[in-house]
Each structure stands twice: as C-alpha cells, then as structure tokens.
C-alpha cells in the first residue's frame, strides 16, 4: 500500500470521514506514547469538524454575528 490510500472511519451514524493514511500517521505521531483510543477518535472527529467548518467558510455558508444575536434573542424573550 502506498501513501495515497485512504482510511474510512464511520464516526457515528450518517457521518463518514475519508482521510489519507499519511494524515492519520501525522495525527497519531503528535500524541503521547500512551493514549486512549477515545482520544484518537476524538482527535479524528475534531479534525473532521474543523475541515467541514473551513469548507463552509470557503463556500460562503456563514451566519453573521447580527443574525445569531437576532435568532438567539428570541430564546430569552417572555
């Protein structure tokens, strides 16, 4: 297998993440020698969420601060 192969991880129902095997190695390399499997899964999940957010920003899927304040203020009105 070469470096271009991918690892596919099903993080939860309906969410599938594809990541290059080399990227997994880099992520794990930065962890301590003793690490819990939940920490590895969390780091992969966090990485996926950050990449998804960056893609949303790049593609213009944003909500302004003003829109957030307007919508959330409705939660606190009586």
PDB file of N, CA and C in Angstrom:
ATOM      1  N   UNK A   1       0.831  -1.198   0.000  1.00  0.00           N
ATOM      2  CA  UNK A   1       0.000   0.000   0.000  1.00  0.00           C
ATOM      3  C   UNK A   1       0.863   1.244   0.000  1.00  0.00           C
ATOM      4  N   UNK A   2       0.495   2.209  -0.823  1.00  0.00           N
ATOM      5  CA  UNK A   2       1.225   3.462  -0.865  1.00  0.00           C
ATOM      6  C   UNK A   2       0.628   4.490   0.066  1.00  0.00           C
ATOM      7  N   UNK A   3       1.242   5.650   0.086  1.00  0.00           N
ATOM      8  CA  UNK A   3       0.797   6.715   0.977  1.00  0.00           C
ATOM      9  C   UNK A   3      -0.538   7.315   0.568  1.00  0.00           C
ATOM     10  N   UNK A   4      -0.979   7.090  -0.653  1.00  0.00           N
ATOM     11  CA  UNK A   4      -2.205   7.714  -1.135  1.00  0.00           C
ATOM     12  C   UNK A   4      -3.464   6.969  -0.739  1.00  0.00           C
ATOM     13  N   UNK A   5      -3.325   5.815  -0.100  1.00  0.00           N
ATOM     14  CA  UNK A   5      -4.507   5.073   0.305  1.00  0.00           C
ATOM     15  C   UNK A   5      -5.223   5.820   1.421  1.00  0.00           C
ATOM     16  N   UNK A   6      -6.517   5.591   1.496  1.00  0.00           N
ATOM     17  CA  UNK A   6      -7.332   6.293   2.477  1.00  0.00           C
ATOM     18  C   UNK A   6      -7.861   5.344   3.532  1.00  0.00           C
ATOM     19  N   UNK A   7      -8.135   5.904   4.670  1.00  0.00           N
ATOM     20  CA  UNK A   7      -8.786   5.203   5.756  1.00  0.00           C
ATOM     21  C   UNK A   7     -10.179   5.807   5.852  1.00  0.00           C
ATOM     22  N   UNK A   8     -11.191   4.967   5.903  1.00  0.00           N
ATOM     23  CA  UNK A   8     -12.562   5.455   6.024  1.00  0.00           C
ATOM     24  C   UNK A   8     -13.046   5.115   7.420  1.00  0.00           C
ATOM     25  N   UNK A   9     -13.510   6.118   8.130  1.00  0.00           N
ATOM     26  CA  UNK A   9     -13.919   5.957   9.518  1.00  0.00           C
ATOM     27  C   UNK A   9     -15.375   6.382   9.639  1.00  0.00           C
ATOM     28  N   UNK A  10     -16.210   5.503  10.189  1.00  0.00           N
ATOM     29  CA  UNK A  10     -17.600   5.845  10.449  1.00  0.00           C
ATOM     30  C   UNK A  10     -17.663   6.342  11.883  1.00  0.00           C
ATOM     31  N   UNK A  11     -17.709   7.667  12.083  1.00  0.00           N
ATOM     32  CA  UNK A  11     -17.659   8.261  13.404  1.00  0.00           C
ATOM     33  C   UNK A  11     -18.977   8.129  14.143  1.00  0.00           C
ATOM     34  N   UNK A  12     -20.064   8.201  13.445  1.00  0.00           N
ATOM     35  CA  UNK A  12     -21.392   7.973  14.010  1.00  0.00           C
ATOM     36  C   UNK A  12     -22.325   7.770  12.833  1.00  0.00           C
ATOM     37  N   UNK A  13     -23.495   7.310  13.087  1.00  0.00           N
ATOM     38  CA  UNK A  13     -24.427   7.015  12.009  1.00  0.00           C
ATOM     39  C   UNK A  13     -24.602   8.226  11.091  1.00  0.00           C
ATOM     40  N   UNK A  14     -24.369   8.015   9.822  1.00  0.00           N
ATOM     41  CA  UNK A  14     -24.555   9.075   8.847  1.00  0.00           C
ATOM     42  C   UNK A  14     -23.354   9.961   8.617  1.00  0.00           C
ATOM     43  N   UNK A  15     -22.286   9.811   9.397  1.00  0.00           N
ATOM     44  CA  UNK A  15     -21.092  10.639   9.224  1.00  0.00           C
ATOM     45  C   UNK A  15     -19.918   9.730   8.888  1.00  0.00           C
ATOM     46  N   UNK A  16     -19.431   9.860   7.679  1.00  0.00           N
ATOM     47  CA  UNK A  16     -18.288   9.072   7.248  1.00  0.00           C
ATOM     48  C   UNK A  16     -17.181  10.037   6.865  1.00  0.00           C
ATOM     49  N   UNK A  17     -15.997   9.761   7.360  1.00  0.00           N
ATOM     50  CA  UNK A  17     -14.859  10.636   7.115  1.00  0.00           C
ATOM     51  C   UNK A  17     -13.814   9.858   6.332  1.00  0.00           C
ATOM     52  N   UNK A  18     -13.303  10.424   5.267  1.00  0.00           N
ATOM     53  CA  UNK A  18     -12.226   9.812   4.499  1.00  0.00           C
ATOM     54  C   UNK A  18     -10.984  10.654   4.728  1.00  0.00           C
ATOM     55  N   UNK A  19      -9.899   9.985   5.079  1.00  0.00           N
ATOM     56  CA  UNK A  19      -8.662  10.692   5.388  1.00  0.00           C
ATOM     57  C   UNK A  19      -7.488   9.882   4.825  1.00  0.00           C
ATOM     58  N   UNK A  20      -6.505  10.564   4.277  1.00  0.00           N
ATOM     59  CA  UNK A  20      -5.327   9.886   3.762  1.00  0.00           C
ATOM     60  C   UNK A  20      -4.586   9.213   4.915  1.00  0.00           C
ATOM     61  N   UNK A  21      -4.120   8.016   4.665  1.00  0.00           N
ATOM     62  CA  UNK A  21      -3.432   7.249   5.699  1.00  0.00           C
ATOM     63  C   UNK A  21      -2.261   8.039   6.280  1.00  0.00           C
ATOM     64  N   UNK A  22      -1.532   8.750   5.458  1.00  0.00           N
ATOM     65  CA  UNK A  22      -0.399   9.536   5.940  1.00  0.00           C
ATOM     66  C   UNK A  22      -0.859  10.610   6.925  1.00  0.00           C
ATOM     67  N   UNK A  23      -2.035  11.182   6.708  1.00  0.00           N
ATOM     68  CA  UNK A  23      -2.564  12.191   7.619  1.00  0.00           C
ATOM     69  C   UNK A  23      -2.900  11.571   8.980  1.00  0.00           C
ATOM     70  N   UNK A  24      -3.367  10.332   8.970  1.00  0.00           N
ATOM     71  CA  UNK A  24      -3.633   9.622  10.230  1.00  0.00           C
ATOM     72  C   UNK A  24      -2.318   9.421  10.974  1.00  0.00           C
ATOM     73  N   UNK A  25      -1.278   9.026  10.247  1.00  0.00           N
ATOM     74  CA  UNK A  25       0.031   8.835  10.876  1.00  0.00           C
ATOM     75  C   UNK A  25       0.526  10.130  11.509  1.00  0.00           C
ATOM     76  N   UNK A  26       0.360  11.241  10.810  1.00  0.00           N
ATOM     77  CA  UNK A  26       0.795  12.532  11.340  1.00  0.00           C
ATOM     78  C   UNK A  26       0.026  12.899  12.603  1.00  0.00           C
ATOM     79  N   UNK A  27      -1.273  12.662  12.596  1.00  0.00           N
ATOM     80  CA  UNK A  27      -2.099  12.959  13.756  1.00  0.00           C
ATOM     81  C   UNK A  27      -1.648  12.122  14.952  1.00  0.00           C
ATOM     82  N   UNK A  28      -1.414  10.846  14.738  1.00  0.00           N
ATOM     83  CA  UNK A  28      -1.023   9.941  15.821  1.00  0.00           C
ATOM     84  C   UNK A  28       0.394  10.235  16.302  1.00  0.00           C
ATOM     85  N   UNK A  29       1.262  10.637  15.397  1.00  0.00           N
ATOM     86  CA  UNK A  29       2.656  10.930  15.753  1.00  0.00           C
ATOM     87  C   UNK A  29       2.750  12.013  16.824  1.00  0.00           C
ATOM     88  N   UNK A  30       1.825  12.959  16.803  1.00  0.00           N
ATOM     89  CA  UNK A  30       1.851  14.073  17.745  1.00  0.00           C
ATOM     90  C   UNK A  30       1.237  13.738  19.107  1.00  0.00           C
ATOM     91  N   UNK A  31       0.670  12.539  19.246  1.00  0.00           N
ATOM     92  CA  UNK A  31       0.066  12.128  20.511  1.00  0.00           C
ATOM     93  C   UNK A  31       1.113  11.525  21.443  1.00  0.00           C
ATOM     94  N   UNK A  32       0.823  11.477  22.736  1.00  0.00           N
ATOM     95  CA  UNK A  32       1.748  10.838  23.672  1.00  0.00           C
ATOM     96  C   UNK A  32       1.888   9.348  23.361  1.00  0.00           C
ATOM     97  N   UNK A  33       2.933   8.717  23.887  1.00  0.00           N
ATOM     98  CA  UNK A  33       3.163   7.289  23.643  1.00  0.00           C
ATOM     99  C   UNK A  33       2.026   6.437  24.190  1.00  0.00           C
ATOM    100  N   UNK A  34       1.475   6.823  25.324  1.00  0.00           N
ATOM    101  CA  UNK A  34       0.327   6.121  25.907  1.00  0.00           C
ATOM    102  C   UNK A  34      -0.900   6.981  25.655  1.00  0.00           C
ATOM    103  N   UNK A  35      -1.844   6.473  24.864  1.00  0.00           N
ATOM    104  CA  UNK A  35      -3.030   7.259  24.527  1.00  0.00           C
ATOM    105  C   UNK A  35      -4.249   6.341  24.491  1.00  0.00           C
ATOM    106  N   UNK A  36      -5.343   6.866  24.964  1.00  0.00           N
ATOM    107  CA  UNK A  36      -6.607   6.149  24.992  1.00  0.00           C
ATOM    108  C   UNK A  36      -7.222   6.174  23.590  1.00  0.00           C
ATOM    109  N   UNK A  37      -7.845   5.094  23.183  1.00  0.00           N
ATOM    110  CA  UNK A  37      -8.470   5.028  21.863  1.00  0.00           C
ATOM    111  C   UNK A  37      -9.540   6.111  21.693  1.00  0.00           C
ATOM    112  N   UNK A  38     -10.225   6.450  22.764  1.00  0.00           N
ATOM    113  CA  UNK A  38     -11.230   7.520  22.696  1.00  0.00           C
ATOM    114  C   UNK A  38     -10.591   8.854  22.330  1.00  0.00           C
ATOM    115  N   UNK A  39      -9.376   9.089  22.789  1.00  0.00           N
ATOM    116  CA  UNK A  39      -8.674  10.336  22.450  1.00  0.00           C
ATOM    117  C   UNK A  39      -8.354  10.374  20.960  1.00  0.00           C
ATOM    118  N   UNK A  40      -7.946   9.248  20.402  1.00  0.00           N
ATOM    119  CA  UNK A  40      -7.650   9.187  18.967  1.00  0.00           C
ATOM    120  C   UNK A  40      -8.920   9.446  18.169  1.00  0.00           C
ATOM    121  N   UNK A  41     -10.010   8.810  18.559  1.00  0.00           N
ATOM    122  CA  UNK A  41     -11.286   9.005  17.868  1.00  0.00           C
ATOM    123  C   UNK A  41     -11.734  10.455  17.989  1.00  0.00           C
ATOM    124  N   UNK A  42     -11.574  11.045  19.180  1.00  0.00           N
ATOM    125  CA  UNK A  42     -11.942  12.444  19.378  1.00  0.00           C
ATOM    126  C   UNK A  42     -11.128  13.362  18.468  1.00  0.00           C
ATOM    127  N   UNK A  43      -9.834  13.115  18.383  1.00  0.00           N
ATOM    128  CA  UNK A  43      -8.977  13.959  17.535  1.00  0.00           C
ATOM    129  C   UNK A  43      -9.375  13.846  16.065  1.00  0.00           C
ATOM    130  N   UNK A  44      -9.702  12.645  15.608  1.00  0.00           N
ATOM    131  CA  UNK A  44     -10.159  12.466  14.233  1.00  0.00           C
ATOM    132  C   UNK A  44     -11.480  13.191  14.002  1.00  0.00           C
ATOM    133  N   UNK A  45     -12.389  13.085  14.969  1.00  0.00           N
ATOM    134  CA  UNK A  45     -13.677  13.760  14.875  1.00  0.00           C
ATOM    135  C   UNK A  45     -13.486  15.275  14.841  1.00  0.00           C
ATOM    136  N   UNK A  46     -12.655  15.792  15.724  1.00  0.00           N
ATOM    137  CA  UNK A  46     -12.392  17.230  15.769  1.00  0.00           C
ATOM    138  C   UNK A  46     -11.789  17.708  14.455  1.00  0.00           C
ATOM    139  N   UNK A  47     -10.861  16.948  13.922  1.00  0.00           N
ATOM    140  CA  UNK A  47     -10.236  17.299  12.649  1.00  0.00           C
ATOM    141  C   UNK A  47     -11.286  17.385  11.550  1.00  0.00           C
ATOM    142  N   UNK A  48     -12.204  16.432  11.521  1.00  0.00           N
ATOM    143  CA  UNK A  48     -13.261  16.420  10.517  1.00  0.00           C
ATOM    144  C   UNK A  48     -14.165  17.638  10.671  1.00  0.00           C
ATOM    145  N   UNK A  49     -14.521  17.971  11.913  1.00  0.00           N
ATOM    146  CA  UNK A  49     -15.390  19.126  12.151  1.00  0.00           C
ATOM    147  C   UNK A  49     -14.717  20.426  11.713  1.00  0.00           C
ATOM    148  N   UNK A  50     -13.428  20.565  12.008  1.00  0.00           N
ATOM    149  CA  UNK A  50     -12.705  21.778  11.613  1.00  0.00           C
ATOM    150  C   UNK A  50     -12.603  21.888  10.097  1.00  0.00           C
ATOM    151  N   UNK A  51     -12.329  20.766   9.418  1.00  0.00           N
ATOM    152  CA  UNK A  51     -12.260  20.788   7.963  1.00  0.00           C
ATOM    153  C   UNK A  51     -13.617  21.135   7.362  1.00  0.00           C
ATOM    154  N   UNK A  52     -14.679  20.619   7.948  1.00  0.00           N
ATOM    155  CA  UNK A  52     -16.033  20.912   7.481  1.00  0.00           C
ATOM    156  C   UNK A  52     -16.347  22.396   7.658  1.00  0.00           C
ATOM    157  N   UNK A  53     -15.962  22.956   8.790  1.00  0.00           N
ATOM    158  CA  UNK A  53     -16.189  24.381   9.047  1.00  0.00           C
ATOM    159  C   UNK A  53     -15.398  25.244   8.064  1.00  0.00           C
ATOM    160  N   UNK A  54     -14.159  24.872   7.801  1.00  0.00           N
ATOM    161  CA  UNK A  54     -13.347  25.625   6.843  1.00  0.00           C
ATOM    162  C   UNK A  54     -13.971  25.580   5.446  1.00  0.00           C
ATOM    163  N   UNK A  55     -14.514  24.424   5.080  1.00  0.00           N
ATOM    164  CA  UNK A  55     -15.176  24.292   3.782  1.00  0.00           C
ATOM    165  C   UNK A  55     -16.409  25.188   3.730  1.00  0.00           C
ATOM    166  N   UNK A  56     -17.187  25.224   4.814  1.00  0.00           N
ATOM    167  CA  UNK A  56     -18.360  26.092   4.868  1.00  0.00           C
ATOM    168  C   UNK A  56     -17.977  27.549   4.686  1.00  0.00           C
ATOM    169  N   UNK A  57     -16.933  27.981   5.360  1.00  0.00           N
ATOM    170  CA  UNK A  57     -16.462  29.370   5.240  1.00  0.00           C
ATOM    171  C   UNK A  57     -16.024  29.649   3.808  1.00  0.00           C
ATOM    172  N   UNK A  58     -15.243  28.736   3.250  1.00  0.00           N
ATOM    173  CA  UNK A  58     -14.738  28.902   1.878  1.00  0.00           C
ATOM    174  C   UNK A  58     -15.880  29.000   0.871  1.00  0.00           C
ATOM    175  N   UNK A  59     -16.962  28.254   1.120  1.00  0.00           N
ATOM    176  CA  UNK A  59     -18.094  28.226   0.201  1.00  0.00           C
ATOM    177  C   UNK A  59     -19.173  29.251   0.554  1.00  0.00           C
ATOM    178  N   UNK A  60     -18.878  30.113   1.540  1.00  0.00           N
ATOM    179  CA  UNK A  60     -19.773  31.212   1.863  1.00  0.00           C
ATOM    180  C   UNK A  60     -20.980  30.841   2.713  1.00  0.00           C
ATOM    181  N   UNK A  61     -20.963  29.664   3.320  1.00  0.00           N
ATOM    182  CA  UNK A  61     -22.072  29.270   4.198  1.00  0.00           C
ATOM    183  C   UNK A  61     -21.783  29.796   5.601  1.00  0.00           C
ATOM    184  N   UNK A  62     -22.134  31.060   5.804  1.00  0.00           N
ATOM    185  CA  UNK A  62     -21.846  31.738   7.060  1.00  0.00           C
ATOM    186  C   UNK A  62     -23.108  32.362   7.635  1.00  0.00           C
ATOM    187  N   UNK A  63     -23.098  32.602   8.923  1.00  0.00           N
ATOM    188  CA  UNK A  63     -24.151  33.345   9.593  1.00  0.00           C
ATOM    189  C   UNK A  63     -23.459  34.502  10.303  1.00  0.00           C
ATOM    190  N   UNK A  64     -23.951  35.715  10.056  1.00  0.00           N
ATOM    191  CA  UNK A  64     -23.320  36.883  10.671  1.00  0.00           C
ATOM    192  C   UNK A  64     -23.602  36.916  12.164  1.00  0.00           C
ATOM    193  N   UNK A  65     -22.788  37.670  12.859  1.00  0.00           N
ATOM    194  CA  UNK A  65     -22.970  37.851  14.298  1.00  0.00           C
ATOM    195  C   UNK A  65     -24.351  38.447  14.586  1.00  0.00           C
ATOM    196  N   UNK A  66     -24.737  39.400  13.775  1.00  0.00           N
ATOM    197  CA  UNK A  66     -26.034  40.056  13.952  1.00  0.00           C
ATOM    198  C   UNK A  66     -27.181  39.046  13.814  1.00  0.00           C
ATOM    199  N   UNK A  67     -27.071  38.138  12.834  1.00  0.00           N
ATOM    200  CA  UNK A  67     -28.111  37.128  12.648  1.00  0.00           C
ATOM    201  C   UNK A  67     -28.191  36.180  13.851  1.00  0.00           C
ATOM    202  N   UNK A  68     -27.051  35.810  14.378  1.00  0.00           N
ATOM    203  CA  UNK A  68     -27.023  34.928  15.547  1.00  0.00           C
ATOM    204  C   UNK A  68     -27.678  35.617  16.742  1.00  0.00           C
ATOM    205  N   UNK A  69     -27.318  36.869  16.979  1.00  0.00           N
ATOM    206  CA  UNK A  69     -27.902  37.622  18.096  1.00  0.00           C
ATOM    207  C   UNK A  69     -29.414  37.733  17.915  1.00  0.00           C
ATOM    208  N   UNK A  70     -29.849  38.058  16.704  1.00  0.00           N
ATOM    209  CA  UNK A  70     -31.283  38.203  16.432  1.00  0.00           C
ATOM    210  C   UNK A  70     -32.029  36.896  16.708  1.00  0.00           C
ATOM    211  N   UNK A  71     -31.518  35.786  16.229  1.00  0.00           N
ATOM    212  CA  UNK A  71     -32.191  34.496  16.405  1.00  0.00           C
ATOM    213  C   UNK A  71     -32.144  34.015  17.862  1.00  0.00           C
ATOM    214  N   UNK A  72     -31.011  34.141  18.511  1.00  0.00           N
ATOM    215  CA  UNK A  72     -30.895  33.647  19.874  1.00  0.00           C
ATOM    216  C   UNK A  72     -31.612  34.532  20.878  1.00  0.00           C
ATOM    217  N   UNK A  73     -31.789  35.800  20.550  1.00  0.00           N
ATOM    218  CA  UNK A  73     -32.517  36.683  21.486  1.00  0.00           C
ATOM    219  C   UNK A  73     -33.957  36.231  21.637  1.00  0.00           C
ATOM    220  N   UNK A  74     -34.498  35.572  20.627  1.00  0.00           N
ATOM    221  CA  UNK A  74     -35.860  35.042  20.704  1.00  0.00           C
ATOM    222  C   UNK A  74     -35.981  33.969  21.814  1.00  0.00           C
ATOM    223  N   UNK A  75     -34.886  33.307  22.113  1.00  0.00           N
ATOM    224  CA  UNK A  75     -34.903  32.259  23.132  1.00  0.00           C
ATOM    225  C   UNK A  75     -35.167  32.833  24.523  1.00  0.00           C
ATOM    226  N   UNK A  76     -34.833  34.097  24.714  1.00  0.00           N
ATOM    227  CA  UNK A  76     -34.884  34.688  26.043  1.00  0.00           C
ATOM    228  C   UNK A  76     -36.028  35.677  26.255  1.00  0.00           C
ATOM    229  N   UNK A  77     -36.845  35.863  25.233  1.00  0.00           N
ATOM    230  CA  UNK A  77     -37.981  36.773  25.380  1.00  0.00           C
ATOM    231  C   UNK A  77     -39.149  36.009  26.004  1.00  0.00           C
ATOM    232  N   UNK A  78     -39.926  36.729  26.810  1.00  0.00           N
ATOM    233  CA  UNK A  78     -41.058  36.094  27.502  1.00  0.00           C
ATOM    234  C   UNK A  78     -42.342  36.325  26.775  1.00  0.00           C
TER     235      UNK A  78
END
